[in-house]
Amino acid sequence: MPWYIYIIRCKDKLLYTGITKDLKRRIKEHCSGNGCKFTKYRAPVKLVYQEEALTRSDALKREAMIKQLPRKKKIELFKKVKVERRK
């Protein structure tokens, strides 16, 4: 089972990046206010980006890379994926 790196947009437009093995469950947790401290009062959230990693270690490394990106680069990352999916 793969690991997922994801970015969610909170109701106040802030972005949160995380990892999980069960993306559907994790998004539900964030929306219900039980996901983490950052999203607790920022629900509902919307999944805007996801990618897969083979191992937890790979997912953590990629998550750290994404978290270091400025907001503008994160937005470019998930907008690029939306454009590619439409083609």
N, C-alpha and C. Protein backbone atom coordinates (compact mmCIF):
# COMPACT_ATOMS: atom_id res chain seq x y z
N MET A 1 0.85 -1.19 0.00
CA MET A 1 0.00 0.00 0.00
C MET A 1 0.89 1.24 0.00
N PRO A 2 0.64 2.17 -0.92
CA PRO A 2 1.50 3.36 -1.01
C PRO A 2 1.21 4.37 0.10
N TRP A 3 2.15 5.27 0.27
CA TRP A 3 1.97 6.43 1.12
C TRP A 3 1.55 7.60 0.23
N TYR A 4 0.79 8.51 0.77
CA TYR A 4 0.34 9.68 0.02
C TYR A 4 0.87 10.95 0.67
N ILE A 5 1.37 11.84 -0.16
CA ILE A 5 1.72 13.19 0.25
C ILE A 5 0.58 14.05 -0.27
N TYR A 6 0.04 14.92 0.57
CA TYR A 6 -1.12 15.69 0.14
C TYR A 6 -1.02 17.15 0.59
N ILE A 7 -1.73 18.00 -0.13
CA ILE A 7 -1.89 19.40 0.26
C ILE A 7 -3.39 19.66 0.31
N ILE A 8 -3.83 20.26 1.41
CA ILE A 8 -5.23 20.66 1.53
C ILE A 8 -5.29 22.17 1.70
N ARG A 9 -6.40 22.73 1.21
CA ARG A 9 -6.65 24.17 1.39
C ARG A 9 -7.74 24.30 2.45
N CYS A 10 -7.46 25.06 3.48
CA CYS A 10 -8.42 25.28 4.55
C CYS A 10 -9.40 26.38 4.18
N LYS A 11 -10.45 26.51 4.96
CA LYS A 11 -11.48 27.52 4.64
C LYS A 11 -10.93 28.93 4.65
N ASP A 12 -9.83 29.17 5.38
CA ASP A 12 -9.23 30.50 5.40
C ASP A 12 -8.12 30.64 4.34
N LYS A 13 -8.10 29.68 3.40
CA LYS A 13 -7.19 29.67 2.25
C LYS A 13 -5.74 29.29 2.58
N LEU A 14 -5.45 28.96 3.84
CA LEU A 14 -4.11 28.50 4.19
C LEU A 14 -3.93 27.08 3.68
N LEU A 15 -2.68 26.71 3.39
CA LEU A 15 -2.37 25.38 2.88
C LEU A 15 -1.71 24.54 3.96
N TYR A 16 -2.05 23.26 3.97
CA TYR A 16 -1.46 22.31 4.91
C TYR A 16 -0.95 21.11 4.12
N THR A 17 0.26 20.67 4.40
CA THR A 17 0.85 19.52 3.73
C THR A 17 1.05 18.41 4.75
N GLY A 18 0.71 17.18 4.35
CA GLY A 18 0.88 16.04 5.24
C GLY A 18 1.08 14.75 4.47
N ILE A 19 1.23 13.65 5.21
CA ILE A 19 1.35 12.32 4.62
C ILE A 19 0.39 11.37 5.32
N THR A 20 0.01 10.32 4.62
CA THR A 20 -0.88 9.31 5.19
C THR A 20 -0.87 8.06 4.32
N LYS A 21 -1.35 6.96 4.87
CA LYS A 21 -1.54 5.75 4.08
C LYS A 21 -2.98 5.65 3.59
N ASP A 22 -3.90 6.35 4.26
CA ASP A 22 -5.32 6.31 3.91
C ASP A 22 -5.81 7.74 3.69
N LEU A 23 -5.73 8.20 2.47
CA LEU A 23 -6.03 9.59 2.15
C LEU A 23 -7.48 9.96 2.43
N LYS A 24 -8.41 9.10 2.06
CA LYS A 24 -9.83 9.38 2.26
C LYS A 24 -10.15 9.58 3.74
N ARG A 25 -9.63 8.68 4.57
CA ARG A 25 -9.85 8.78 6.02
C ARG A 25 -9.24 10.05 6.58
N ARG A 26 -8.03 10.36 6.13
CA ARG A 26 -7.31 11.51 6.66
C ARG A 26 -8.02 12.83 6.31
N ILE A 27 -8.55 12.94 5.12
CA ILE A 27 -9.27 14.15 4.73
C ILE A 27 -10.54 14.29 5.58
N LYS A 28 -11.23 13.17 5.82
CA LYS A 28 -12.42 13.20 6.69
C LYS A 28 -12.05 13.68 8.09
N GLU A 29 -10.89 13.22 8.60
CA GLU A 29 -10.45 13.66 9.92
C GLU A 29 -10.20 15.16 9.94
N HIS A 30 -9.54 15.67 8.92
CA HIS A 30 -9.29 17.11 8.85
C HIS A 30 -10.61 17.89 8.78
N CYS A 31 -11.56 17.42 8.00
CA CYS A 31 -12.84 18.11 7.86
C CYS A 31 -13.66 18.10 9.14
N SER A 32 -13.50 17.05 9.93
CA SER A 32 -14.27 16.93 11.18
C SER A 32 -13.60 17.67 12.34
N GLY A 33 -12.41 18.22 12.11
CA GLY A 33 -11.70 18.93 13.18
C GLY A 33 -10.81 18.04 14.01
N ASN A 34 -10.66 16.78 13.61
CA ASN A 34 -9.84 15.83 14.35
C ASN A 34 -8.53 15.48 13.65
N GLY A 35 -8.21 16.21 12.59
CA GLY A 35 -7.02 15.89 11.80
C GLY A 35 -5.73 16.29 12.47
N CYS A 36 -5.62 17.54 12.86
CA CYS A 36 -4.44 18.05 13.54
C CYS A 36 -4.77 19.43 14.10
N LYS A 37 -3.87 19.94 14.90
CA LYS A 37 -4.09 21.24 15.52
C LYS A 37 -4.26 22.36 14.48
N PHE A 38 -3.46 22.30 13.41
CA PHE A 38 -3.48 23.35 12.38
C PHE A 38 -4.85 23.46 11.71
N THR A 39 -5.48 22.34 11.42
CA THR A 39 -6.76 22.37 10.69
C THR A 39 -7.98 22.30 11.59
N LYS A 40 -7.79 22.13 12.87
CA LYS A 40 -8.92 21.94 13.79
C LYS A 40 -10.00 23.01 13.64
N TYR A 41 -9.62 24.27 13.56
CA TYR A 41 -10.59 25.36 13.46
C TYR A 41 -10.62 25.98 12.07
N ARG A 42 -10.04 25.27 11.11
CA ARG A 42 -10.00 25.78 9.74
C ARG A 42 -10.81 24.90 8.78
N ALA A 43 -11.62 24.02 9.31
CA ALA A 43 -12.43 23.13 8.47
C ALA A 43 -13.63 23.91 7.94
N PRO A 44 -14.18 23.55 6.82
CA PRO A 44 -13.82 22.38 6.02
C PRO A 44 -12.56 22.62 5.19
N VAL A 45 -11.96 21.52 4.80
CA VAL A 45 -10.75 21.59 3.97
C VAL A 45 -11.05 20.94 2.62
N LYS A 46 -10.21 21.27 1.65
CA LYS A 46 -10.38 20.69 0.32
C LYS A 46 -9.03 20.14 -0.14
N LEU A 47 -9.04 18.91 -0.60
CA LEU A 47 -7.83 18.30 -1.14
C LEU A 47 -7.51 18.97 -2.47
N VAL A 48 -6.31 19.54 -2.59
CA VAL A 48 -5.93 20.21 -3.83
C VAL A 48 -4.76 19.52 -4.53
N TYR A 49 -4.05 18.63 -3.83
CA TYR A 49 -2.90 17.96 -4.44
C TYR A 49 -2.62 16.66 -3.71
N GLN A 50 -2.21 15.66 -4.50
CA GLN A 50 -1.77 14.41 -3.90
C GLN A 50 -0.75 13.75 -4.82
N GLU A 51 0.16 13.02 -4.22
CA GLU A 51 1.09 12.19 -4.98
C GLU A 51 1.42 10.98 -4.13
N GLU A 52 1.92 9.95 -4.77
CA GLU A 52 2.22 8.70 -4.07
C GLU A 52 3.72 8.54 -3.85
N ALA A 53 4.04 7.81 -2.78
CA ALA A 53 5.42 7.43 -2.49
C ALA A 53 5.40 5.96 -2.08
N LEU A 54 6.47 5.26 -2.37
CA LEU A 54 6.52 3.83 -2.07
C LEU A 54 6.73 3.53 -0.59
N THR A 55 7.51 4.37 0.09
CA THR A 55 7.82 4.12 1.49
C THR A 55 7.49 5.35 2.34
N ARG A 56 7.38 5.13 3.64
CA ARG A 56 7.14 6.24 4.57
C ARG A 56 8.32 7.21 4.53
N SER A 57 9.50 6.68 4.44
CA SER A 57 10.70 7.51 4.37
C SER A 57 10.66 8.44 3.15
N ASP A 58 10.31 7.88 2.00
CA ASP A 58 10.19 8.70 0.78
C ASP A 58 9.12 9.77 0.94
N ALA A 59 8.00 9.40 1.55
CA ALA A 59 6.90 10.35 1.75
C ALA A 59 7.33 11.48 2.68
N LEU A 60 8.03 11.15 3.75
CA LEU A 60 8.49 12.18 4.68
C LEU A 60 9.49 13.14 4.03
N LYS A 61 10.37 12.60 3.20
CA LYS A 61 11.34 13.45 2.49
C LYS A 61 10.64 14.40 1.53
N ARG A 62 9.67 13.87 0.79
CA ARG A 62 8.93 14.71 -0.16
C ARG A 62 8.09 15.75 0.56
N GLU A 63 7.46 15.35 1.67
CA GLU A 63 6.67 16.29 2.46
C GLU A 63 7.56 17.45 2.94
N ALA A 64 8.75 17.12 3.42
CA ALA A 64 9.67 18.16 3.89
C ALA A 64 10.05 19.10 2.75
N MET A 65 10.26 18.56 1.56
CA MET A 65 10.60 19.39 0.40
C MET A 65 9.46 20.35 0.06
N ILE A 66 8.24 19.81 0.06
CA ILE A 66 7.07 20.63 -0.27
C ILE A 66 6.85 21.71 0.79
N LYS A 67 7.02 21.37 2.06
CA LYS A 67 6.81 22.33 3.13
C LYS A 67 7.80 23.50 3.06
N GLN A 68 8.95 23.28 2.46
CA GLN A 68 9.95 24.34 2.34
C GLN A 68 9.63 25.29 1.17
N LEU A 69 8.76 24.88 0.28
CA LEU A 69 8.41 25.72 -0.85
C LEU A 69 7.61 26.93 -0.40
N PRO A 70 7.82 28.07 -1.05
CA PRO A 70 6.94 29.21 -0.75
C PRO A 70 5.53 28.92 -1.27
N ARG A 71 4.56 29.61 -0.72
CA ARG A 71 3.15 29.38 -1.06
C ARG A 71 2.93 29.41 -2.58
N LYS A 72 3.55 30.37 -3.25
CA LYS A 72 3.36 30.52 -4.70
C LYS A 72 3.78 29.24 -5.43
N LYS A 73 4.87 28.63 -5.02
CA LYS A 73 5.36 27.41 -5.67
C LYS A 73 4.43 26.23 -5.38
N LYS A 74 3.87 26.18 -4.18
CA LYS A 74 2.91 25.12 -3.85
C LYS A 74 1.67 25.23 -4.74
N ILE A 75 1.20 26.45 -4.93
CA ILE A 75 0.03 26.67 -5.78
C ILE A 75 0.34 26.28 -7.21
N GLU A 76 1.52 26.63 -7.70
CA GLU A 76 1.93 26.23 -9.05
C GLU A 76 1.97 24.71 -9.17
N LEU A 77 2.41 24.04 -8.12
CA LEU A 77 2.49 22.59 -8.12
C LEU A 77 1.11 21.97 -8.35
N PHE A 78 0.10 22.38 -7.60
CA PHE A 78 -1.20 21.74 -7.79
C PHE A 78 -1.98 22.30 -8.96
N LYS A 79 -1.70 23.50 -9.41
CA LYS A 79 -2.34 23.99 -10.63
C LYS A 79 -1.80 23.26 -11.85
N LYS A 80 -0.51 22.95 -11.84
CA LYS A 80 0.12 22.22 -12.93
C LYS A 80 -0.52 20.84 -13.07
N VAL A 81 -0.78 20.19 -11.97
CA VAL A 81 -1.39 18.85 -11.99
C VAL A 81 -2.80 18.93 -12.55
N LYS A 82 -3.57 19.96 -12.19
CA LYS A 82 -4.93 20.11 -12.72
C LYS A 82 -4.90 20.26 -14.23
N VAL A 83 -3.98 21.04 -14.74
CA VAL A 83 -3.87 21.27 -16.18
C VAL A 83 -3.51 19.96 -16.88
N GLU A 84 -2.57 19.20 -16.33
CA GLU A 84 -2.17 17.94 -16.92
C GLU A 84 -3.31 16.92 -16.95
N ARG A 85 -4.14 16.91 -15.92
CA ARG A 85 -5.28 15.98 -15.86
C ARG A 85 -6.32 16.27 -16.94
N ARG A 86 -6.46 17.54 -17.32
CA ARG A 86 -7.45 17.93 -18.33
C ARG A 86 -7.06 17.52 -19.73
N LYS A 87 -5.77 17.36 -19.98
CA LYS A 87 -5.30 17.02 -21.32
C LYS A 87 -5.68 15.62 -21.74
